[in-house]
PDB file of all heavy atoms in Angstrom:
ATOM      1  N   ALA A   1      61.809  57.649  -6.277  1.00  0.00           N
ATOM      2  CA  ALA A   1      62.899  58.564  -6.653  1.00  0.00           C
ATOM      3  C   ALA A   1      64.197  58.007  -6.101  1.00  0.00           C
ATOM      4  O   ALA A   1      64.399  57.970  -4.880  1.00  0.00           O
ATOM      5  CB  ALA A   1      62.644  59.967  -6.117  1.00  0.00           C
ATOM      6  N   THR A   2      65.086  57.559  -6.980  1.00  0.00           N
ATOM      7  CA  THR A   2      66.370  57.009  -6.556  1.00  0.00           C
ATOM      8  C   THR A   2      67.436  58.080  -6.416  1.00  0.00           C
ATOM      9  O   THR A   2      68.462  57.860  -5.779  1.00  0.00           O
ATOM     10  CB  THR A   2      66.862  55.961  -7.567  1.00  0.00           C
ATOM     11  OG1 THR A   2      67.130  56.596  -8.828  1.00  0.00           O
ATOM     12  CG2 THR A   2      65.823  54.870  -7.769  1.00  0.00           C
ATOM     13  N   GLY A   3      67.224  59.228  -7.060  1.00  0.00           N
ATOM     14  CA  GLY A   3      68.249  60.262  -7.089  1.00  0.00           C
ATOM     15  C   GLY A   3      69.100  60.209  -8.336  1.00  0.00           C
ATOM     16  O   GLY A   3      69.874  61.128  -8.601  1.00  0.00           O
ATOM     17  N   MET A   4      68.983  59.129  -9.128  1.00  0.00           N
ATOM     18  CA  MET A   4      69.711  59.005 -10.383  1.00  0.00           C
ATOM     19  C   MET A   4      68.729  59.232 -11.534  1.00  0.00           C
ATOM     20  O   MET A   4      67.761  58.491 -11.698  1.00  0.00           O
ATOM     21  CB  MET A   4      70.367  57.630 -10.499  1.00  0.00           C
ATOM     22  CG  MET A   4      71.458  57.399  -9.492  1.00  0.00           C
ATOM     23  SD  MET A   4      72.462  55.936  -9.870  1.00  0.00           S
ATOM     24  CE  MET A   4      73.281  56.467 -11.368  1.00  0.00           C
ATOM     25  N   TYR A   5      69.014  60.240 -12.334  1.00  0.00           N
ATOM     26  CA  TYR A   5      68.083  60.658 -13.382  1.00  0.00           C
ATOM     27  C   TYR A   5      67.813  59.541 -14.383  1.00  0.00           C
ATOM     28  O   TYR A   5      66.667  59.345 -14.814  1.00  0.00           O
ATOM     29  CB  TYR A   5      68.641  61.888 -14.099  1.00  0.00           C
ATOM     30  CG  TYR A   5      67.733  62.428 -15.179  1.00  0.00           C
ATOM     31  CD1 TYR A   5      66.664  63.253 -14.852  1.00  0.00           C
ATOM     32  CD2 TYR A   5      67.936  62.096 -16.521  1.00  0.00           C
ATOM     33  CE1 TYR A   5      65.820  63.745 -15.833  1.00  0.00           C
ATOM     34  CE2 TYR A   5      67.097  62.572 -17.510  1.00  0.00           C
ATOM     35  CZ  TYR A   5      66.045  63.410 -17.160  1.00  0.00           C
ATOM     36  OH  TYR A   5      65.204  63.879 -18.137  1.00  0.00           O
ATOM     37  N   GLU A   6      68.853  58.791 -14.757  1.00  0.00           N
ATOM     38  CA  GLU A   6      68.673  57.751 -15.767  1.00  0.00           C
ATOM     39  C   GLU A   6      67.777  56.625 -15.269  1.00  0.00           C
ATOM     40  O   GLU A   6      67.105  55.964 -16.063  1.00  0.00           O
ATOM     41  CB  GLU A   6      70.026  57.191 -16.204  1.00  0.00           C
ATOM     42  CG  GLU A   6      70.819  56.541 -15.075  1.00  0.00           C
ATOM     43  CD  GLU A   6      72.121  55.954 -15.575  1.00  0.00           C
ATOM     44  OE1 GLU A   6      72.070  55.120 -16.483  1.00  0.00           O
ATOM     45  OE2 GLU A   6      73.183  56.355 -15.050  1.00  0.00           O
ATOM     46  N   TYR A   7      67.715  56.394 -13.966  1.00  0.00           N
ATOM     47  CA  TYR A   7      66.801  55.396 -13.407  1.00  0.00           C
ATOM     48  C   TYR A   7      65.387  55.965 -13.277  1.00  0.00           C
ATOM     49  O   TYR A   7      64.408  55.323 -13.649  1.00  0.00           O
ATOM     50  CB  TYR A   7      67.280  54.917 -12.039  1.00  0.00           C
ATOM     51  CG  TYR A   7      68.463  53.992 -12.079  1.00  0.00           C
ATOM     52  CD1 TYR A   7      69.124  53.602 -10.922  1.00  0.00           C
ATOM     53  CD2 TYR A   7      68.939  53.481 -13.285  1.00  0.00           C
ATOM     54  CE1 TYR A   7      70.214  52.747 -10.951  1.00  0.00           C
ATOM     55  CE2 TYR A   7      70.028  52.627 -13.328  1.00  0.00           C
ATOM     56  CZ  TYR A   7      70.656  52.267 -12.165  1.00  0.00           C
ATOM     57  OH  TYR A   7      71.739  51.419 -12.199  1.00  0.00           O
ATOM     58  N   ASP A   8      65.303  57.170 -12.730  1.00  0.00           N
ATOM     59  CA  ASP A   8      63.992  57.764 -12.468  1.00  0.00           C
ATOM     60  C   ASP A   8      63.236  58.129 -13.738  1.00  0.00           C
ATOM     61  O   ASP A   8      62.040  58.404 -13.677  1.00  0.00           O
ATOM     62  CB  ASP A   8      64.152  59.020 -11.601  1.00  0.00           C
ATOM     63  CG  ASP A   8      64.667  58.691 -10.206  1.00  0.00           C
ATOM     64  OD1 ASP A   8      64.556  57.513  -9.811  1.00  0.00           O
ATOM     65  OD2 ASP A   8      65.187  59.596  -9.526  1.00  0.00           O
ATOM     66  N   SER A   9      63.929  58.165 -14.869  1.00  0.00           N
ATOM     67  CA  SER A   9      63.265  58.550 -16.115  1.00  0.00           C
ATOM     68  C   SER A   9      63.050  57.379 -17.070  1.00  0.00           C
ATOM     69  O   SER A   9      62.506  57.569 -18.153  1.00  0.00           O
ATOM     70  CB  SER A   9      64.088  59.630 -16.838  1.00  0.00           C
ATOM     71  OG  SER A   9      65.375  59.140 -17.173  1.00  0.00           O
ATOM     72  N   THR A  10      63.471  56.162 -16.670  1.00  0.00           N
ATOM     73  CA  THR A  10      63.386  55.052 -17.630  1.00  0.00           C
ATOM     74  C   THR A  10      62.837  53.754 -17.058  1.00  0.00           C
ATOM     75  O   THR A  10      62.596  52.817 -17.812  1.00  0.00           O
ATOM     76  CB  THR A  10      64.781  54.746 -18.216  1.00  0.00           C
ATOM     77  OG1 THR A  10      65.677  54.400 -17.156  1.00  0.00           O
ATOM     78  CG2 THR A  10      65.332  55.934 -18.989  1.00  0.00           C
ATOM     79  N   ILE A  11      62.624  53.659 -15.741  1.00  0.00           N
ATOM     80  CA  ILE A  11      62.268  52.365 -15.132  1.00  0.00           C
ATOM     81  C   ILE A  11      60.853  52.397 -14.566  1.00  0.00           C
ATOM     82  O   ILE A  11      60.417  53.410 -14.004  1.00  0.00           O
ATOM     83  CB  ILE A  11      63.280  51.995 -14.031  1.00  0.00           C
ATOM     84  CG1 ILE A  11      64.666  51.751 -14.625  1.00  0.00           C
ATOM     85  CG2 ILE A  11      62.825  50.750 -13.275  1.00  0.00           C
ATOM     86  CD1 ILE A  11      65.726  51.391 -13.614  1.00  0.00           C
ATOM     87  N   GLY A  12      60.174  51.286 -14.714  1.00  0.00           N
ATOM     88  CA  GLY A  12      58.876  51.085 -14.091  1.00  0.00           C
ATOM     89  C   GLY A  12      58.787  49.685 -13.509  1.00  0.00           C
ATOM     90  O   GLY A  12      59.339  48.737 -14.081  1.00  0.00           O
ATOM     91  N   PHE A  13      58.115  49.534 -12.369  1.00  0.00           N
ATOM     92  CA  PHE A  13      57.981  48.238 -11.707  1.00  0.00           C
ATOM     93  C   PHE A  13      56.533  47.767 -11.764  1.00  0.00           C
ATOM     94  O   PHE A  13      55.601  48.537 -11.482  1.00  0.00           O
ATOM     95  CB  PHE A  13      58.424  48.332 -10.242  1.00  0.00           C
ATOM     96  CG  PHE A  13      59.892  48.515 -10.057  1.00  0.00           C
ATOM     97  CD1 PHE A  13      60.444  49.784  -9.957  1.00  0.00           C
ATOM     98  CD2 PHE A  13      60.750  47.422  -9.978  1.00  0.00           C
ATOM     99  CE1 PHE A  13      61.813  49.961  -9.784  1.00  0.00           C
ATOM    100  CE2 PHE A  13      62.109  47.587  -9.805  1.00  0.00           C
ATOM    101  CZ  PHE A  13      62.637  48.858  -9.716  1.00  0.00           C
ATOM    102  N   VAL A  14      56.361  46.505 -12.140  1.00  0.00           N
ATOM    103  CA  VAL A  14      55.049  45.866 -12.122  1.00  0.00           C
ATOM    104  C   VAL A  14      55.200  44.522 -11.412  1.00  0.00           C
ATOM    105  O   VAL A  14      56.324  44.098 -11.105  1.00  0.00           O
ATOM    106  CB  VAL A  14      54.496  45.657 -13.553  1.00  0.00           C
ATOM    107  CG1 VAL A  14      54.259  46.994 -14.245  1.00  0.00           C
ATOM    108  CG2 VAL A  14      55.444  44.789 -14.386  1.00  0.00           C
ATOM    109  N   ASN A  15      54.072  43.844 -11.164  1.00  0.00           N
ATOM    110  CA  ASN A  15      54.193  42.515 -10.560  1.00  0.00           C
ATOM    111  C   ASN A  15      54.549  41.489 -11.620  1.00  0.00           C
ATOM    112  O   ASN A  15      54.554  41.774 -12.820  1.00  0.00           O
ATOM    113  CB  ASN A  15      52.911  42.137  -9.808  1.00  0.00           C
ATOM    114  CG  ASN A  15      51.682  42.165 -10.705  1.00  0.00           C
ATOM    115  OD1 ASN A  15      51.754  41.853 -11.902  1.00  0.00           O
ATOM    116  ND2 ASN A  15      50.546  42.546 -10.141  1.00  0.00           N
ATOM    117  N   LEU A  16      54.852  40.282 -11.195  1.00  0.00           N
ATOM    118  CA  LEU A  16      55.337  39.245 -12.107  1.00  0.00           C
ATOM    119  C   LEU A  16      54.283  38.860 -13.147  1.00  0.00           C
ATOM    120  O   LEU A  16      54.624  38.613 -14.317  1.00  0.00           O
ATOM    121  CB  LEU A  16      55.765  38.015 -11.312  1.00  0.00           C
ATOM    122  CG  LEU A  16      57.025  38.169 -10.446  1.00  0.00           C
ATOM    123  CD1 LEU A  16      57.255  36.890  -9.639  1.00  0.00           C
ATOM    124  CD2 LEU A  16      58.243  38.480 -11.298  1.00  0.00           C
ATOM    125  N   GLU A  17      53.017  38.806 -12.745  1.00  0.00           N
ATOM    126  CA  GLU A  17      51.974  38.399 -13.681  1.00  0.00           C
ATOM    127  C   GLU A  17      51.860  39.379 -14.849  1.00  0.00           C
ATOM    128  O   GLU A  17      51.756  38.974 -16.018  1.00  0.00           O
ATOM    129  CB  GLU A  17      50.624  38.299 -12.949  1.00  0.00           C
ATOM    130  CG  GLU A  17      50.504  37.127 -11.994  1.00  0.00           C
ATOM    131  CD  GLU A  17      51.331  37.322 -10.730  1.00  0.00           C
ATOM    132  OE1 GLU A  17      51.693  38.481 -10.415  1.00  0.00           O
ATOM    133  OE2 GLU A  17      51.640  36.308 -10.062  1.00  0.00           O
ATOM    134  N   THR A  18      51.890  40.672 -14.549  1.00  0.00           N
ATOM    135  CA  THR A  18      51.820  41.682 -15.602  1.00  0.00           C
ATOM    136  C   THR A  18      53.040  41.613 -16.498  1.00  0.00           C
ATOM    137  O   THR A  18      52.943  41.741 -17.729  1.00  0.00           O
ATOM    138  CB  THR A  18      51.698  43.084 -14.973  1.00  0.00           C
ATOM    139  OG1 THR A  18      50.586  43.121 -14.084  1.00  0.00           O
ATOM    140  CG2 THR A  18      51.518  44.151 -16.046  1.00  0.00           C
ATOM    141  N   ALA A  19      54.209  41.409 -15.894  1.00  0.00           N
ATOM    142  CA  ALA A  19      55.443  41.327 -16.675  1.00  0.00           C
ATOM    143  C   ALA A  19      55.428  40.102 -17.591  1.00  0.00           C
ATOM    144  O   ALA A  19      55.915  40.166 -18.731  1.00  0.00           O
ATOM    145  CB  ALA A  19      56.650  41.280 -15.740  1.00  0.00           C
ATOM    146  N   ARG A  20      54.878  38.984 -17.119  1.00  0.00           N
ATOM    147  CA  ARG A  20      54.810  37.783 -17.964  1.00  0.00           C
ATOM    148  C   ARG A  20      53.947  38.024 -19.195  1.00  0.00           C
ATOM    149  O   ARG A  20      54.266  37.564 -20.300  1.00  0.00           O
ATOM    150  CB  ARG A  20      54.259  36.608 -17.146  1.00  0.00           C
ATOM    151  CG  ARG A  20      55.225  36.056 -16.111  1.00  0.00           C
ATOM    152  CD  ARG A  20      54.727  34.744 -15.521  1.00  0.00           C
ATOM    153  NE  ARG A  20      55.617  34.250 -14.475  1.00  0.00           N
ATOM    154  CZ  ARG A  20      55.384  34.380 -13.179  1.00  0.00           C
ATOM    155  NH1 ARG A  20      54.267  34.978 -12.759  1.00  0.00           N
ATOM    156  NH2 ARG A  20      56.244  33.912 -12.300  1.00  0.00           N
ATOM    157  N   LEU A  21      52.834  38.734 -19.027  1.00  0.00           N
ATOM    158  CA  LEU A  21      51.965  39.029 -20.165  1.00  0.00           C
ATOM    159  C   LEU A  21      52.674  39.908 -21.191  1.00  0.00           C
ATOM    160  O   LEU A  21      52.520  39.716 -22.401  1.00  0.00           O
ATOM    161  CB  LEU A  21      50.690  39.716 -19.672  1.00  0.00           C
ATOM    162  CG  LEU A  21      49.731  38.844 -18.845  1.00  0.00           C
ATOM    163  CD1 LEU A  21      48.576  39.696 -18.309  1.00  0.00           C
ATOM    164  CD2 LEU A  21      49.198  37.693 -19.683  1.00  0.00           C
ATOM    165  N   LEU A  22      53.449  40.868 -20.709  1.00  0.00           N
ATOM    166  CA  LEU A  22      54.140  41.787 -21.619  1.00  0.00           C
ATOM    167  C   LEU A  22      55.296  41.119 -22.343  1.00  0.00           C
ATOM    168  O   LEU A  22      55.506  41.308 -23.543  1.00  0.00           O
ATOM    169  CB  LEU A  22      54.651  43.009 -20.845  1.00  0.00           C
ATOM    170  CG  LEU A  22      53.603  44.027 -20.393  1.00  0.00           C
ATOM    171  CD1 LEU A  22      54.226  45.048 -19.459  1.00  0.00           C
ATOM    172  CD2 LEU A  22      52.980  44.740 -21.596  1.00  0.00           C
ATOM    173  N   VAL A  23      56.068  40.329 -21.603  1.00  0.00           N
ATOM    174  CA  VAL A  23      57.271  39.718 -22.166  1.00  0.00           C
ATOM    175  C   VAL A  23      56.938  38.433 -22.913  1.00  0.00           C
ATOM    176  O   VAL A  23      57.648  38.041 -23.854  1.00  0.00           O
ATOM    177  CB  VAL A  23      58.307  39.459 -21.049  1.00  0.00           C
ATOM    178  CG1 VAL A  23      59.551  38.792 -21.597  1.00  0.00           C
ATOM    179  CG2 VAL A  23      58.686  40.776 -20.371  1.00  0.00           C
ATOM    180  N   GLY A  24      55.867  37.744 -22.518  1.00  0.00           N
ATOM    181  CA  GLY A  24      55.491  36.508 -23.183  1.00  0.00           C
ATOM    182  C   GLY A  24      56.085  35.274 -22.538  1.00  0.00           C
ATOM    183  O   GLY A  24      56.510  34.351 -23.226  1.00  0.00           O
ATOM    184  N   ILE A  25      56.114  35.242 -21.208  1.00  0.00           N
ATOM    185  CA  ILE A  25      56.614  34.092 -20.470  1.00  0.00           C
ATOM    186  C   ILE A  25      55.425  33.315 -19.922  1.00  0.00           C
ATOM    187  O   ILE A  25      54.518  33.898 -19.310  1.00  0.00           O
ATOM    188  CB  ILE A  25      57.554  34.524 -19.325  1.00  0.00           C
ATOM    189  CG1 ILE A  25      58.781  35.247 -19.885  1.00  0.00           C
ATOM    190  CG2 ILE A  25      58.008  33.321 -18.508  1.00  0.00           C
ATOM    191  CD1 ILE A  25      59.728  35.761 -18.828  1.00  0.00           C
ATOM    192  N   ASP A  26      55.426  32.030 -20.102  1.00  0.00           N
ATOM    193  CA  ASP A  26      54.305  31.196 -19.690  1.00  0.00           C
ATOM    194  C   ASP A  26      54.486  30.704 -18.253  1.00  0.00           C
ATOM    195  O   ASP A  26      55.593  30.697 -17.702  1.00  0.00           O
ATOM    196  CB  ASP A  26      54.157  29.996 -20.626  1.00  0.00           C
ATOM    197  CG  ASP A  26      53.887  30.427 -22.060  1.00  0.00           C
ATOM    198  OD1 ASP A  26      53.241  31.485 -22.225  1.00  0.00           O
ATOM    199  OD2 ASP A  26      54.333  29.728 -22.993  1.00  0.00           O
ATOM    200  N   ASP A  27      53.368  30.219 -17.683  1.00  0.00           N
ATOM    201  CA  ASP A  27      53.328  29.565 -16.370  1.00  0.00           C
ATOM    202  C   ASP A  27      53.968  30.439 -15.278  1.00  0.00           C
ATOM    203  O   ASP A  27      53.665  31.615 -15.177  1.00  0.00           O
ATOM    204  CB  ASP A  27      54.026  28.204 -16.447  1.00  0.00           C
ATOM    205  CG  ASP A  27      53.337  27.276 -17.438  1.00  0.00           C
ATOM    206  OD1 ASP A  27      52.102  27.376 -17.558  1.00  0.00           O
ATOM    207  OD2 ASP A  27      54.036  26.479 -18.088  1.00  0.00           O
ATOM    208  N   LYS A  28      54.887  29.841 -14.514  1.00  0.00           N
ATOM    209  CA  LYS A  28      55.508  30.529 -13.381  1.00  0.00           C
ATOM    210  C   LYS A  28      56.969  30.895 -13.651  1.00  0.00           C
ATOM    211  O   LYS A  28      57.714  31.193 -12.718  1.00  0.00           O
ATOM    212  CB  LYS A  28      55.442  29.640 -12.129  1.00  0.00           C
ATOM    213  CG  LYS A  28      54.023  29.300 -11.676  1.00  0.00           C
ATOM    214  CD  LYS A  28      53.276  30.538 -11.221  1.00  0.00           C
ATOM    215  CE  LYS A  28      51.888  30.164 -10.696  1.00  0.00           C
ATOM    216  NZ  LYS A  28      51.146  31.366 -10.232  1.00  0.00           N
ATOM    217  N   GLY A  29      57.359  30.860 -14.912  1.00  0.00           N
ATOM    218  CA  GLY A  29      58.756  31.117 -15.239  1.00  0.00           C
ATOM    219  C   GLY A  29      59.155  32.574 -15.061  1.00  0.00           C
ATOM    220  O   GLY A  29      58.322  33.482 -15.089  1.00  0.00           O
ATOM    221  N   VAL A  30      60.461  32.795 -14.868  1.00  0.00           N
ATOM    222  CA  VAL A  30      61.039  34.139 -14.783  1.00  0.00           C
ATOM    223  C   VAL A  30      62.349  34.150 -15.575  1.00  0.00           C
ATOM    224  O   VAL A  30      62.839  33.099 -16.002  1.00  0.00           O
ATOM    225  CB  VAL A  30      61.302  34.569 -13.316  1.00  0.00           C
ATOM    226  CG1 VAL A  30      60.018  34.654 -12.524  1.00  0.00           C
ATOM    227  CG2 VAL A  30      62.293  33.617 -12.647  1.00  0.00           C
ATOM    228  N   GLN A  31      62.896  35.322 -15.763  1.00  0.00           N
ATOM    229  CA  GLN A  31      64.157  35.432 -16.498  1.00  0.00           C
ATOM    230  C   GLN A  31      65.379  35.277 -15.603  1.00  0.00           C
ATOM    231  O   GLN A  31      66.414  34.772 -16.042  1.00  0.00           O
ATOM    232  CB  GLN A  31      64.220  36.786 -17.222  1.00  0.00           C
ATOM    233  CG  GLN A  31      63.214  36.925 -18.355  1.00  0.00           C
ATOM    234  CD  GLN A  31      63.259  38.311 -18.956  1.00  0.00           C
ATOM    235  OE1 GLN A  31      63.700  39.259 -18.309  1.00  0.00           O
ATOM    236  NE2 GLN A  31      62.804  38.438 -20.192  1.00  0.00           N
ATOM    237  N   SER A  32      65.266  35.748 -14.368  1.00  0.00           N
ATOM    238  CA  SER A  32      66.452  35.743 -13.504  1.00  0.00           C
ATOM    239  C   SER A  32      66.051  35.805 -12.041  1.00  0.00           C
ATOM    240  O   SER A  32      64.884  36.055 -11.705  1.00  0.00           O
ATOM    241  CB  SER A  32      67.362  36.933 -13.844  1.00  0.00           C
ATOM    242  OG  SER A  32      66.655  38.152 -13.659  1.00  0.00           O
ATOM    243  N   LEU A  33      67.050  35.593 -11.186  1.00  0.00           N
ATOM    244  CA  LEU A  33      66.896  35.782  -9.745  1.00  0.00           C
ATOM    245  C   LEU A  33      67.850  36.891  -9.306  1.00  0.00           C
ATOM    246  O   LEU A  33      68.996  36.960  -9.759  1.00  0.00           O
ATOM    247  CB  LEU A  33      67.224  34.500  -8.978  1.00  0.00           C
ATOM    248  CG  LEU A  33      66.222  33.352  -9.002  1.00  0.00           C
ATOM    249  CD1 LEU A  33      66.733  32.207  -8.137  1.00  0.00           C
ATOM    250  CD2 LEU A  33      64.851  33.789  -8.538  1.00  0.00           C
ATOM    251  N   GLU A  34      67.368  37.740  -8.408  1.00  0.00           N
ATOM    252  CA  GLU A  34      68.205  38.791  -7.830  1.00  0.00           C
ATOM    253  C   GLU A  34      68.544  38.407  -6.399  1.00  0.00           C
ATOM    254  O   GLU A  34      67.661  38.020  -5.628  1.00  0.00           O
ATOM    255  CB  GLU A  34      67.480  40.135  -7.876  1.00  0.00           C
ATOM    256  CG  GLU A  34      67.242  40.629  -9.296  1.00  0.00           C
ATOM    257  CD  GLU A  34      66.575  41.992  -9.324  1.00  0.00           C
ATOM    258  OE1 GLU A  34      65.458  42.087  -8.797  1.00  0.00           O
ATOM    259  OE2 GLU A  34      67.160  42.934  -9.858  1.00  0.00           O
ATOM    260  N   LEU A  35      69.820  38.540  -6.044  1.00  0.00           N
ATOM    261  CA  LEU A  35      70.286  38.103  -4.732  1.00  0.00           C
ATOM    262  C   LEU A  35      70.820  39.269  -3.909  1.00  0.00           C
ATOM    263  O   LEU A  35      71.405  40.218  -4.459  1.00  0.00           O
ATOM    264  CB  LEU A  35      71.396  37.050  -4.870  1.00  0.00           C
ATOM    265  CG  LEU A  35      71.179  35.894  -5.853  1.00  0.00           C
ATOM    266  CD1 LEU A  35      72.369  34.957  -5.808  1.00  0.00           C
ATOM    267  CD2 LEU A  35      69.894  35.161  -5.562  1.00  0.00           C
ATOM    268  N   ARG A  36      70.618  39.169  -2.625  1.00  0.00           N
ATOM    269  CA  ARG A  36      71.238  40.108  -1.683  1.00  0.00           C
ATOM    270  C   ARG A  36      72.244  39.335  -0.844  1.00  0.00           C
ATOM    271  O   ARG A  36      71.921  38.272  -0.302  1.00  0.00           O
ATOM    272  CB  ARG A  36      70.186  40.743  -0.769  1.00  0.00           C
ATOM    273  CG  ARG A  36      70.768  41.763   0.212  1.00  0.00           C
ATOM    274  CD  ARG A  36      69.679  42.364   1.086  1.00  0.00           C
ATOM    275  NE  ARG A  36      70.208  43.410   1.937  1.00  0.00           N
ATOM    276  CZ  ARG A  36      70.351  44.673   1.586  1.00  0.00           C
ATOM    277  NH1 ARG A  36      69.958  45.045   0.374  1.00  0.00           N
ATOM    278  NH2 ARG A  36      70.852  45.563   2.409  1.00  0.00           N
ATOM    279  N   VAL A  37      73.469  39.869  -0.747  1.00  0.00           N
ATOM    280  CA  VAL A  37      74.521  39.187  -0.002  1.00  0.00           C
ATOM    281  C   VAL A  37      74.777  39.907   1.314  1.00  0.00           C
ATOM    282  O   VAL A  37      74.406  41.072   1.495  1.00  0.00           O
ATOM    283  CB  VAL A  37      75.822  39.093  -0.830  1.00  0.00           C
ATOM    284  CG1 VAL A  37      75.575  38.359  -2.136  1.00  0.00           C
ATOM    285  CG2 VAL A  37      76.392  40.480  -1.107  1.00  0.00           C
TER     286      VAL A  37
END
């Protein structure tokens, strides 16, 4: 629960392997990197 309705009603988190199967990405590839500064 983030406290923001649009996030709590539309987002789901899975691990990378499950996401690759759904999106259709092969091997160890990803779409992006997220950074913390």
